[in-house]
Amino acid sequence: MVSKIDELSINTIRILAAEAIQKANSGHPGTPMGAAPLGFTLFQRVMKFNPSDPNWLNRDRFILSAGHASMLLYGLLHLSGFDVTMDDLKQFRQWKSRTPGHPEYGHTPGVETTTGPLGQGFAHAVGMAIGQANLAARFNRPEHKIFDHHIFGLMGDGDMQEGITAEAASLAGHLKLGRLIFLYDDNGIQIEGSTNLAYSDNVRARFEGYRWHVVGPVDGNDISAVENAIRMGMADDSKPTLVICKTQIGYGSPNKMNTADVHGSPLGDDEIRLVKKSLDWRFEESFQVPDEVRAHFQKGGERGQRAYDH
């Protein structure tokens, strides 16, 4: 059961993404709208971070391997209190903006690595997990867990198809990188249509063969189920975890949800109006965030602050 404030928060992420992409007349609204509950669960319920110190050494990392879904990340960073302003969201994909079409490390606060080429972010996350394991082995003591952070990631069907993903996943399983947890946004749609046109792997069997802990499939709109699956992975330090999440690309779009039309093109003004009606959104004006949503996200930041102060 999703509470009203959680649902409103998730819909805020969806609508900010759709509006920013529409304003830019360029971008990929489908994954931000479909995977909004996954990002919300990580940032609001699971991850530890401190927006006032985004380079805190023991922060949890989030890697958006599906870098084309950048408005999902920018929306989450804005709502979570990072130095990503509403004006930054309005400047999505514009020349010299801080919110480029694909995330760039060192350019936008809170972005952990540059992603876009499919599979690259997944491999970067494996490298970060190797780094975490090395730091923990060198500096942790039984009474002092100095480095105990996790590397979380979100990948899509395109990432799953890349050769670099196979190589990096194999290495991660071999090295038993138990602090690495990836959510697989399994929506069954790519830019050319159904993934059945090009892809028929048994993902569970494949990753179990790589020595990963595989959870799911879970309903990607059920944030409690998603959180429980993530925590199952966090409880097992002996191997990396893949959580298979069944989502609906372009969730909330009456005419484009679950179609390739919503993958890489703006929705259009008329469809955005229908999205707002479908999601019971109360604002006609663009780029609005309800006060109660800002207050709700602040609680997630307070959880991270407690971990930071500990």
C-alpha atoms as a PDB file:
ATOM      1  CA  MET A   1       0.000   0.000   0.000  1.00  0.00           C
ATOM      2  CA  VAL A   2       1.452   3.363  -1.060  1.00  0.00           C
ATOM      3  CA  SER A   3       0.586   6.275   1.222  1.00  0.00           C
ATOM      4  CA  LYS A   4      -0.922   9.417  -0.260  1.00  0.00           C
ATOM      5  CA  ILE A   5       2.191  11.472   0.429  1.00  0.00           C
ATOM      6  CA  ASP A   6       4.451   8.832  -1.116  1.00  0.00           C
ATOM      7  CA  GLU A   7       2.210   8.676  -4.185  1.00  0.00           C
ATOM      8  CA  LEU A   8       2.173  12.464  -4.474  1.00  0.00           C
ATOM      9  CA  SER A   9       5.966  12.558  -4.161  1.00  0.00           C
ATOM     10  CA  ILE A  10       6.416   9.935  -6.872  1.00  0.00           C
ATOM     11  CA  ASN A  11       3.998  11.754  -9.164  1.00  0.00           C
ATOM     12  CA  THR A  12       5.948  14.963  -8.573  1.00  0.00           C
ATOM     13  CA  ILE A  13       9.054  13.238  -9.939  1.00  0.00           C
ATOM     14  CA  ARG A  14       7.102  12.019 -12.961  1.00  0.00           C
ATOM     15  CA  ILE A  15       5.568  15.360 -13.817  1.00  0.00           C
ATOM     16  CA  LEU A  16       8.762  17.378 -13.317  1.00  0.00           C
ATOM     17  CA  ALA A  17      10.473  15.011 -15.759  1.00  0.00           C
ATOM     18  CA  ALA A  18       7.702  15.256 -18.340  1.00  0.00           C
ATOM     19  CA  GLU A  19       7.582  19.055 -18.084  1.00  0.00           C
ATOM     20  CA  ALA A  20      11.346  19.576 -18.311  1.00  0.00           C
ATOM     21  CA  ILE A  21      11.594  17.313 -21.345  1.00  0.00           C
ATOM     22  CA  GLN A  22       8.648  19.057 -22.982  1.00  0.00           C
ATOM     23  CA  LYS A  23      10.214  22.480 -22.363  1.00  0.00           C
ATOM     24  CA  ALA A  24      13.475  21.285 -23.915  1.00  0.00           C
ATOM     25  CA  ASN A  25      11.556  19.600 -26.748  1.00  0.00           C
ATOM     26  CA  SER A  26      14.031  16.758 -26.352  1.00  0.00           C
ATOM     27  CA  GLY A  27      14.629  13.867 -23.986  1.00  0.00           C
ATOM     28  CA  HIS A  28      13.409  10.539 -22.670  1.00  0.00           C
ATOM     29  CA  PRO A  29      10.315  10.777 -20.444  1.00  0.00           C
ATOM     30  CA  GLY A  30       9.388   7.089 -20.382  1.00  0.00           C
ATOM     31  CA  THR A  31      11.895   5.744 -17.880  1.00  0.00           C
ATOM     32  CA  PRO A  32      11.699   8.679 -15.427  1.00  0.00           C
ATOM     33  CA  MET A  33       7.920   8.234 -15.308  1.00  0.00           C
ATOM     34  CA  GLY A  34       8.024   4.445 -15.069  1.00  0.00           C
ATOM     35  CA  ALA A  35      10.957   4.134 -12.684  1.00  0.00           C
ATOM     36  CA  ALA A  36      10.058   7.071 -10.414  1.00  0.00           C
ATOM     37  CA  PRO A  37       8.999   4.702  -7.582  1.00  0.00           C
ATOM     38  CA  LEU A  38      12.380   2.955  -7.766  1.00  0.00           C
ATOM     39  CA  GLY A  39      14.343   6.184  -7.467  1.00  0.00           C
ATOM     40  CA  PHE A  40      12.014   7.450  -4.746  1.00  0.00           C
ATOM     41  CA  THR A  41      12.498   4.272  -2.705  1.00  0.00           C
ATOM     42  CA  LEU A  42      16.271   4.527  -2.870  1.00  0.00           C
ATOM     43  CA  PHE A  43      16.547   8.228  -2.074  1.00  0.00           C
ATOM     44  CA  GLN A  44      13.731   8.461   0.435  1.00  0.00           C
ATOM     45  CA  ARG A  45      13.851   5.116   2.240  1.00  0.00           C
ATOM     46  CA  VAL A  46      17.241   3.478   1.794  1.00  0.00           C
ATOM     47  CA  MET A  47      20.260   5.549   0.853  1.00  0.00           C
ATOM     48  CA  LYS A  48      22.407   7.569   3.233  1.00  0.00           C
ATOM     49  CA  PHE A  49      23.749  10.862   1.887  1.00  0.00           C
ATOM     50  CA  ASN A  50      24.213  14.473   2.927  1.00  0.00           C
ATOM     51  CA  PRO A  51      23.300  17.104   0.312  1.00  0.00           C
ATOM     52  CA  SER A  52      25.330  19.723   2.194  1.00  0.00           C
ATOM     53  CA  ASP A  53      28.416  17.503   1.825  1.00  0.00           C
ATOM     54  CA  PRO A  54      27.841  15.607  -1.441  1.00  0.00           C
ATOM     55  CA  ASN A  55      31.403  14.240  -1.401  1.00  0.00           C
ATOM     56  CA  TRP A  56      31.131  12.633   2.046  1.00  0.00           C
ATOM     57  CA  LEU A  57      33.434   9.611   1.792  1.00  0.00           C
ATOM     58  CA  ASN A  58      31.021   7.106   3.330  1.00  0.00           C
ATOM     59  CA  ARG A  59      27.923   8.182   1.405  1.00  0.00           C
ATOM     60  CA  ASP A  60      25.933   5.638  -0.539  1.00  0.00           C
ATOM     61  CA  ARG A  61      26.428   6.059  -4.276  1.00  0.00           C
ATOM     62  CA  PHE A  62      23.651   6.024  -6.883  1.00  0.00           C
ATOM     63  CA  ILE A  63      24.607   5.252 -10.465  1.00  0.00           C
ATOM     64  CA  LEU A  64      22.058   5.886 -13.208  1.00  0.00           C
ATOM     65  CA  SER A  65      23.414   3.502 -15.821  1.00  0.00           C
ATOM     66  CA  ALA A  66      20.357   4.293 -17.957  1.00  0.00           C
ATOM     67  CA  GLY A  67      21.760   7.788 -18.387  1.00  0.00           C
ATOM     68  CA  HIS A  68      19.140   8.829 -20.938  1.00  0.00           C
ATOM     69  CA  ALA A  69      16.699   8.900 -17.982  1.00  0.00           C
ATOM     70  CA  SER A  70      18.628  11.823 -16.516  1.00  0.00           C
ATOM     71  CA  MET A  71      15.536  13.803 -15.524  1.00  0.00           C
ATOM     72  CA  LEU A  72      14.765  11.074 -13.000  1.00  0.00           C
ATOM     73  CA  LEU A  73      18.096  11.762 -11.312  1.00  0.00           C
ATOM     74  CA  TYR A  74      17.886  15.549 -11.560  1.00  0.00           C
ATOM     75  CA  GLY A  75      14.401  15.556 -10.080  1.00  0.00           C
ATOM     76  CA  LEU A  76      15.513  13.360  -7.196  1.00  0.00           C
ATOM     77  CA  LEU A  77      18.557  15.531  -6.522  1.00  0.00           C
ATOM     78  CA  HIS A  78      16.443  18.689  -6.526  1.00  0.00           C
ATOM     79  CA  LEU A  79      13.805  17.277  -4.194  1.00  0.00           C
ATOM     80  CA  SER A  80      16.407  15.711  -1.893  1.00  0.00           C
ATOM     81  CA  GLY A  81      18.100  19.041  -1.222  1.00  0.00           C
ATOM     82  CA  PHE A  82      21.175  18.914  -3.449  1.00  0.00           C
ATOM     83  CA  ASP A  83      22.333  22.084  -5.183  1.00  0.00           C
ATOM     84  CA  VAL A  84      20.119  21.465  -8.206  1.00  0.00           C
ATOM     85  CA  THR A  85      17.574  24.269  -8.422  1.00  0.00           C
ATOM     86  CA  MET A  86      14.211  24.532 -10.121  1.00  0.00           C
ATOM     87  CA  ASP A  87      15.848  26.876 -12.622  1.00  0.00           C
ATOM     88  CA  ASP A  88      18.335  24.093 -13.363  1.00  0.00           C
ATOM     89  CA  LEU A  89      15.439  21.739 -14.128  1.00  0.00           C
ATOM     90  CA  LYS A  90      13.920  24.359 -16.419  1.00  0.00           C
ATOM     91  CA  GLN A  91      17.241  24.559 -18.276  1.00  0.00           C
ATOM     92  CA  PHE A  92      17.364  20.814 -18.979  1.00  0.00           C
ATOM     93  CA  ARG A  93      19.385  20.039 -22.131  1.00  0.00           C
ATOM     94  CA  GLN A  94      20.186  23.716 -22.775  1.00  0.00           C
ATOM     95  CA  TRP A  95      23.583  25.087 -23.698  1.00  0.00           C
ATOM     96  CA  LYS A  96      25.818  25.537 -20.630  1.00  0.00           C
ATOM     97  CA  SER A  97      23.107  24.317 -18.238  1.00  0.00           C
ATOM     98  CA  ARG A  98      23.893  22.197 -15.185  1.00  0.00           C
ATOM     99  CA  THR A  99      21.377  19.581 -16.311  1.00  0.00           C
ATOM    100  CA  PRO A 100      22.698  18.094 -19.558  1.00  0.00           C
ATOM    101  CA  GLY A 101      20.839  15.404 -21.463  1.00  0.00           C
ATOM    102  CA  HIS A 102      23.001  12.712 -19.891  1.00  0.00           C
ATOM    103  CA  PRO A 103      24.543  13.019 -16.397  1.00  0.00           C
ATOM    104  CA  GLU A 104      28.110  14.317 -16.264  1.00  0.00           C
ATOM    105  CA  TYR A 105      30.433  13.820 -13.304  1.00  0.00           C
ATOM    106  CA  GLY A 106      31.841  17.063 -11.901  1.00  0.00           C
ATOM    107  CA  HIS A 107      29.188  19.127 -13.643  1.00  0.00           C
ATOM    108  CA  THR A 108      26.071  18.576 -11.522  1.00  0.00           C
ATOM    109  CA  PRO A 109      26.168  18.191  -7.708  1.00  0.00           C
ATOM    110  CA  GLY A 110      25.157  14.676  -6.690  1.00  0.00           C
ATOM    111  CA  VAL A 111      26.025  13.016 -10.004  1.00  0.00           C
ATOM    112  CA  GLU A 112      28.484  10.227  -9.196  1.00  0.00           C
ATOM    113  CA  THR A 113      29.679   9.359 -12.704  1.00  0.00           C
ATOM    114  CA  THR A 114      29.118  10.248 -16.345  1.00  0.00           C
ATOM    115  CA  THR A 115      26.648   7.878 -17.993  1.00  0.00           C
ATOM    116  CA  GLY A 116      24.915   7.566 -21.323  1.00  0.00           C
ATOM    117  CA  PRO A 117      26.685   4.852 -23.334  1.00  0.00           C
ATOM    118  CA  LEU A 118      24.628   1.849 -22.269  1.00  0.00           C
ATOM    119  CA  GLY A 119      26.350  -0.472 -19.821  1.00  0.00           C
ATOM    120  CA  GLN A 120      29.033   2.070 -18.938  1.00  0.00           C
ATOM    121  CA  GLY A 121      27.383   3.091 -15.685  1.00  0.00           C
ATOM    122  CA  PHE A 122      26.995  -0.531 -14.653  1.00  0.00           C
ATOM    123  CA  ALA A 123      30.719  -1.109 -15.126  1.00  0.00           C
ATOM    124  CA  HIS A 124      31.537   2.120 -13.269  1.00  0.00           C
ATOM    125  CA  ALA A 125      29.423   0.904 -10.349  1.00  0.00           C
ATOM    126  CA  VAL A 126      31.360  -2.360 -10.238  1.00  0.00           C
ATOM    127  CA  GLY A 127      34.567  -0.341 -10.078  1.00  0.00           C
ATOM    128  CA  MET A 128      33.174   1.745  -7.222  1.00  0.00           C
ATOM    129  CA  ALA A 129      32.200  -1.426  -5.370  1.00  0.00           C
ATOM    130  CA  ILE A 130      35.759  -2.700  -5.790  1.00  0.00           C
ATOM    131  CA  GLY A 131      36.970   0.585  -4.325  1.00  0.00           C
ATOM    132  CA  GLN A 132      34.593   0.261  -1.367  1.00  0.00           C
ATOM    133  CA  ALA A 133      35.764  -3.282  -0.676  1.00  0.00           C
ATOM    134  CA  ASN A 134      39.394  -2.190  -0.803  1.00  0.00           C
ATOM    135  CA  LEU A 135      38.851   0.725   1.579  1.00  0.00           C
ATOM    136  CA  ALA A 136      36.891  -1.455   3.992  1.00  0.00           C
ATOM    137  CA  ALA A 137      39.591  -4.137   3.984  1.00  0.00           C
ATOM    138  CA  ARG A 138      42.341  -1.612   4.654  1.00  0.00           C
ATOM    139  CA  PHE A 139      40.748   0.693   7.200  1.00  0.00           C
ATOM    140  CA  ASN A 140      37.783  -0.950   8.924  1.00  0.00           C
ATOM    141  CA  ARG A 141      38.182  -2.457  12.365  1.00  0.00           C
ATOM    142  CA  PRO A 142      35.734  -4.631  14.323  1.00  0.00           C
ATOM    143  CA  GLU A 143      34.784  -1.664  16.501  1.00  0.00           C
ATOM    144  CA  HIS A 144      34.956   0.965  13.717  1.00  0.00           C
ATOM    145  CA  LYS A 145      33.158   0.459  10.398  1.00  0.00           C
ATOM    146  CA  ILE A 146      34.638   3.477   8.671  1.00  0.00           C
ATOM    147  CA  PHE A 147      33.646   2.439   5.145  1.00  0.00           C
ATOM    148  CA  ASP A 148      30.343   0.579   5.039  1.00  0.00           C
ATOM    149  CA  HIS A 149      28.534   2.344   2.212  1.00  0.00           C
ATOM    150  CA  HIS A 150      26.660   0.688  -0.647  1.00  0.00           C
ATOM    151  CA  ILE A 151      26.729   1.235  -4.384  1.00  0.00           C
ATOM    152  CA  PHE A 152      23.198   1.351  -5.785  1.00  0.00           C
ATOM    153  CA  GLY A 153      22.337   1.508  -9.454  1.00  0.00           C
ATOM    154  CA  LEU A 154      19.482   1.576 -11.925  1.00  0.00           C
ATOM    155  CA  MET A 155      19.799  -0.176 -15.261  1.00  0.00           C
ATOM    156  CA  GLY A 156      17.417  -0.750 -18.147  1.00  0.00           C
ATOM    157  CA  ASP A 157      16.936  -3.266 -20.917  1.00  0.00           C
ATOM    158  CA  GLY A 158      19.520  -1.540 -23.094  1.00  0.00           C
ATOM    159  CA  ASP A 159      22.140  -1.808 -20.352  1.00  0.00           C
ATOM    160  CA  MET A 160      21.296  -5.461 -19.900  1.00  0.00           C
ATOM    161  CA  GLN A 161      22.025  -6.180 -23.566  1.00  0.00           C
ATOM    162  CA  GLU A 162      25.517  -4.682 -23.626  1.00  0.00           C
ATOM    163  CA  GLY A 163      28.660  -6.801 -23.580  1.00  0.00           C
ATOM    164  CA  ILE A 164      30.333  -4.572 -21.001  1.00  0.00           C
ATOM    165  CA  THR A 165      27.537  -5.452 -18.572  1.00  0.00           C
ATOM    166  CA  ALA A 166      28.221  -9.167 -18.956  1.00  0.00           C
ATOM    167  CA  GLU A 167      31.930  -8.706 -18.305  1.00  0.00           C
ATOM    168  CA  ALA A 168      31.474  -6.403 -15.318  1.00  0.00           C
ATOM    169  CA  ALA A 169      28.727  -8.576 -13.796  1.00  0.00           C
ATOM    170  CA  SER A 170      30.950 -11.630 -14.064  1.00  0.00           C
ATOM    171  CA  LEU A 171      33.781  -9.824 -12.288  1.00  0.00           C
ATOM    172  CA  ALA A 172      31.475  -8.492  -9.561  1.00  0.00           C
ATOM    173  CA  GLY A 173      30.192 -11.983  -8.815  1.00  0.00           C
ATOM    174  CA  HIS A 174      33.688 -13.439  -8.815  1.00  0.00           C
ATOM    175  CA  LEU A 175      34.890 -10.782  -6.361  1.00  0.00           C
ATOM    176  CA  LYS A 176      31.797 -11.214  -4.155  1.00  0.00           C
ATOM    177  CA  LEU A 177      31.015  -7.492  -4.121  1.00  0.00           C
ATOM    178  CA  GLY A 178      28.218  -7.662  -1.585  1.00  0.00           C
ATOM    179  CA  ARG A 179      27.840  -3.888  -1.308  1.00  0.00           C
ATOM    180  CA  LEU A 180      26.694  -3.600  -4.925  1.00  0.00           C
ATOM    181  CA  ILE A 181      22.925  -3.562  -5.535  1.00  0.00           C
ATOM    182  CA  PHE A 182      21.327  -2.902  -8.921  1.00  0.00           C
ATOM    183  CA  LEU A 183      17.681  -2.359  -9.741  1.00  0.00           C
ATOM    184  CA  TYR A 184      16.737  -3.637 -13.198  1.00  0.00           C
ATOM    185  CA  ASP A 185      13.994  -1.486 -14.714  1.00  0.00           C
ATOM    186  CA  ASP A 186      12.291  -4.277 -16.653  1.00  0.00           C
ATOM    187  CA  ASN A 187       9.627  -2.471 -18.697  1.00  0.00           C
ATOM    188  CA  GLY A 188       9.846  -4.556 -21.872  1.00  0.00           C
ATOM    189  CA  ILE A 189      10.087  -1.558 -24.221  1.00  0.00           C
ATOM    190  CA  GLN A 190      12.971  -0.064 -26.202  1.00  0.00           C
ATOM    191  CA  ILE A 191      13.120   2.692 -28.781  1.00  0.00           C
ATOM    192  CA  GLU A 192      12.181   0.348 -31.636  1.00  0.00           C
ATOM    193  CA  GLY A 193       9.351  -1.389 -29.776  1.00  0.00           C
ATOM    194  CA  SER A 194       9.069  -4.471 -27.596  1.00  0.00           C
ATOM    195  CA  THR A 195      12.298  -5.946 -26.266  1.00  0.00           C
ATOM    196  CA  ASN A 196      11.102  -9.255 -27.708  1.00  0.00           C
ATOM    197  CA  LEU A 197      12.343  -7.996 -31.067  1.00  0.00           C
ATOM    198  CA  ALA A 198      15.965  -8.245 -29.969  1.00  0.00           C
ATOM    199  CA  TYR A 199      16.256  -9.823 -26.541  1.00  0.00           C
ATOM    200  CA  SER A 200      15.138 -13.051 -24.899  1.00  0.00           C
ATOM    201  CA  ASP A 201      17.692 -13.754 -22.153  1.00  0.00           C
ATOM    202  CA  ASN A 202      16.668 -15.420 -18.920  1.00  0.00           C
ATOM    203  CA  VAL A 203      18.011 -12.604 -16.757  1.00  0.00           C
ATOM    204  CA  ARG A 204      17.606 -14.477 -13.475  1.00  0.00           C
ATOM    205  CA  ALA A 205      19.508 -17.529 -14.712  1.00  0.00           C
ATOM    206  CA  ARG A 206      22.164 -15.352 -16.294  1.00  0.00           C
ATOM    207  CA  PHE A 207      22.933 -13.366 -13.143  1.00  0.00           C
ATOM    208  CA  GLU A 208      22.700 -16.389 -10.898  1.00  0.00           C
ATOM    209  CA  GLY A 209      25.333 -17.860 -13.199  1.00  0.00           C
ATOM    210  CA  TYR A 210      27.457 -14.790 -12.489  1.00  0.00           C
ATOM    211  CA  ARG A 211      27.088 -15.622  -8.757  1.00  0.00           C
ATOM    212  CA  TRP A 212      24.687 -12.775  -7.992  1.00  0.00           C
ATOM    213  CA  HIS A 213      21.810 -12.798  -5.532  1.00  0.00           C
ATOM    214  CA  VAL A 214      18.693 -12.242  -7.682  1.00  0.00           C
ATOM    215  CA  VAL A 215      15.438 -10.975  -6.139  1.00  0.00           C
ATOM    216  CA  GLY A 216      12.128 -10.656  -7.942  1.00  0.00           C
ATOM    217  CA  PRO A 217      10.493  -9.880 -10.162  1.00  0.00           C
ATOM    218  CA  VAL A 218       8.751  -7.361  -7.906  1.00  0.00           C
ATOM    219  CA  ASP A 219       6.057  -4.828  -8.782  1.00  0.00           C
ATOM    220  CA  GLY A 220       7.964  -1.615  -9.444  1.00  0.00           C
ATOM    221  CA  ASN A 221       5.020   0.489  -8.260  1.00  0.00           C
ATOM    222  CA  ASP A 222       4.954  -1.252  -4.867  1.00  0.00           C
ATOM    223  CA  ILE A 223       7.589   0.720  -2.997  1.00  0.00           C
ATOM    224  CA  SER A 224       7.371  -1.513   0.084  1.00  0.00           C
ATOM    225  CA  ALA A 225       8.109  -4.576  -2.054  1.00  0.00           C
ATOM    226  CA  VAL A 226      10.972  -2.737  -3.745  1.00  0.00           C
ATOM    227  CA  GLU A 227      12.402  -1.640  -0.389  1.00  0.00           C
ATOM    228  CA  ASN A 228      12.130  -5.146   1.049  1.00  0.00           C
ATOM    229  CA  ALA A 229      13.928  -6.570  -1.981  1.00  0.00           C
ATOM    230  CA  ILE A 230      16.720  -4.017  -1.640  1.00  0.00           C
ATOM    231  CA  ARG A 231      17.118  -4.766   2.055  1.00  0.00           C
ATOM    232  CA  MET A 232      17.322  -8.476   1.305  1.00  0.00           C
ATOM    233  CA  GLY A 233      20.344  -7.647  -0.800  1.00  0.00           C
ATOM    234  CA  MET A 234      21.823  -5.371   1.854  1.00  0.00           C
ATOM    235  CA  ALA A 235      21.524  -8.190   4.392  1.00  0.00           C
ATOM    236  CA  ASP A 236      23.720 -10.504   2.294  1.00  0.00           C
ATOM    237  CA  ASP A 237      27.287  -9.229   2.024  1.00  0.00           C
ATOM    238  CA  SER A 238      28.530 -12.374   0.307  1.00  0.00           C
ATOM    239  CA  LYS A 239      27.501 -11.451  -3.246  1.00  0.00           C
ATOM    240  CA  PRO A 240      26.113  -8.569  -5.320  1.00  0.00           C
ATOM    241  CA  THR A 241      22.357  -8.252  -5.761  1.00  0.00           C
ATOM    242  CA  LEU A 242      20.099  -7.701  -8.755  1.00  0.00           C
ATOM    243  CA  VAL A 243      16.487  -6.709  -8.066  1.00  0.00           C
ATOM    244  CA  ILE A 244      14.230  -7.295 -11.069  1.00  0.00           C
ATOM    245  CA  CYS A 245      11.513  -4.620 -11.054  1.00  0.00           C
ATOM    246  CA  LYS A 246       8.537  -4.844 -13.390  1.00  0.00           C
ATOM    247  CA  THR A 247       7.596  -1.297 -14.392  1.00  0.00           C
ATOM    248  CA  GLN A 248       5.430   0.476 -16.962  1.00  0.00           C
ATOM    249  CA  ILE A 249       7.288   2.882 -19.201  1.00  0.00           C
ATOM    250  CA  GLY A 250       5.618   6.295 -19.310  1.00  0.00           C
ATOM    251  CA  TYR A 251       3.411   5.526 -16.324  1.00  0.00           C
ATOM    252  CA  GLY A 252       0.490   7.952 -16.134  1.00  0.00           C
ATOM    253  CA  SER A 253       0.349   8.740 -19.843  1.00  0.00           C
ATOM    254  CA  PRO A 254      -3.081   7.566 -21.075  1.00  0.00           C
ATOM    255  CA  ASN A 255      -2.088   7.279 -24.744  1.00  0.00           C
ATOM    256  CA  LYS A 256       1.627   6.446 -24.614  1.00  0.00           C
ATOM    257  CA  MET A 257       2.235   4.303 -21.519  1.00  0.00           C
ATOM    258  CA  ASN A 258       3.780   0.916 -22.388  1.00  0.00           C
ATOM    259  CA  THR A 259       4.658   2.019 -25.925  1.00  0.00           C
ATOM    260  CA  ALA A 260       7.894   2.953 -27.676  1.00  0.00           C
ATOM    261  CA  ASP A 261       6.433   6.418 -28.370  1.00  0.00           C
ATOM    262  CA  VAL A 262       7.197   7.467 -24.807  1.00  0.00           C
ATOM    263  CA  HIS A 263      10.776   6.196 -24.765  1.00  0.00           C
ATOM    264  CA  GLY A 264      12.698   9.016 -26.410  1.00  0.00           C
ATOM    265  CA  SER A 265      10.336  11.829 -27.395  1.00  0.00           C
ATOM    266  CA  PRO A 266       8.511  14.571 -25.466  1.00  0.00           C
ATOM    267  CA  LEU A 267       4.923  13.743 -24.625  1.00  0.00           C
ATOM    268  CA  GLY A 268       3.410  16.890 -26.109  1.00  0.00           C
ATOM    269  CA  ASP A 269       1.414  19.556 -24.290  1.00  0.00           C
ATOM    270  CA  ASP A 270      -1.924  17.815 -24.802  1.00  0.00           C
ATOM    271  CA  GLU A 271      -0.660  14.506 -23.415  1.00  0.00           C
ATOM    272  CA  ILE A 272       0.925  16.223 -20.415  1.00  0.00           C
ATOM    273  CA  ARG A 273      -2.459  17.708 -19.579  1.00  0.00           C
ATOM    274  CA  LEU A 274      -3.895  14.192 -19.725  1.00  0.00           C
ATOM    275  CA  VAL A 275      -1.067  12.896 -17.520  1.00  0.00           C
ATOM    276  CA  LYS A 276      -1.874  15.512 -14.894  1.00  0.00           C
ATOM    277  CA  LYS A 277      -5.522  14.523 -15.001  1.00  0.00           C
ATOM    278  CA  SER A 278      -4.640  10.824 -14.792  1.00  0.00           C
ATOM    279  CA  LEU A 279      -2.400  11.400 -11.768  1.00  0.00           C
ATOM    280  CA  ASP A 280      -4.802  13.833 -10.039  1.00  0.00           C
ATOM    281  CA  TRP A 281      -2.228  16.618 -10.264  1.00  0.00           C
ATOM    282  CA  ARG A 282      -3.655  19.863  -8.928  1.00  0.00           C
ATOM    283  CA  PHE A 283      -1.385  22.364 -10.694  1.00  0.00           C
ATOM    284  CA  GLU A 284      -1.943  23.640 -14.212  1.00  0.00           C
ATOM    285  CA  GLU A 285       1.227  25.728 -14.143  1.00  0.00           C
ATOM    286  CA  SER A 286       4.450  23.857 -14.901  1.00  0.00           C
ATOM    287  CA  PHE A 287       7.321  23.120 -12.505  1.00  0.00           C
ATOM    288  CA  GLN A 288       5.353  23.074  -9.267  1.00  0.00           C
ATOM    289  CA  VAL A 289       6.272  21.083  -6.160  1.00  0.00           C
ATOM    290  CA  PRO A 290       3.664  20.714  -3.391  1.00  0.00           C
ATOM    291  CA  ASP A 291       4.865  22.006  -0.020  1.00  0.00           C
ATOM    292  CA  GLU A 292       4.047  18.685   1.624  1.00  0.00           C
ATOM    293  CA  VAL A 293       6.289  16.887  -0.872  1.00  0.00           C
ATOM    294  CA  ARG A 294       9.236  19.124  -0.019  1.00  0.00           C
ATOM    295  CA  ALA A 295       8.629  18.446   3.672  1.00  0.00           C
ATOM    296  CA  HIS A 296       8.423  14.712   3.007  1.00  0.00           C
ATOM    297  CA  PHE A 297      11.724  14.641   1.141  1.00  0.00           C
ATOM    298  CA  GLN A 298      13.341  16.597   3.961  1.00  0.00           C
ATOM    299  CA  LYS A 299      12.749  13.599   6.224  1.00  0.00           C
ATOM    300  CA  GLY A 300      14.891  11.481   3.928  1.00  0.00           C
ATOM    301  CA  GLY A 301      17.638  14.052   4.226  1.00  0.00           C
ATOM    302  CA  GLU A 302      17.355  13.960   8.012  1.00  0.00           C
ATOM    303  CA  ARG A 303      17.978  10.204   7.933  1.00  0.00           C
ATOM    304  CA  GLY A 304      21.149  10.800   5.953  1.00  0.00           C
ATOM    305  CA  GLN A 305      22.200  13.579   8.319  1.00  0.00           C
ATOM    306  CA  ARG A 306      21.949  11.202  11.275  1.00  0.00           C
ATOM    307  CA  ALA A 307      24.232   8.732   9.511  1.00  0.00           C
ATOM    308  CA  TYR A 308      26.619  11.558   8.640  1.00  0.00           C
ATOM    309  CA  ASP A 309      26.768  12.767  12.249  1.00  0.00           C
ATOM    310  CA  HIS A 310      27.225   9.267  13.677  1.00  0.00           C
END
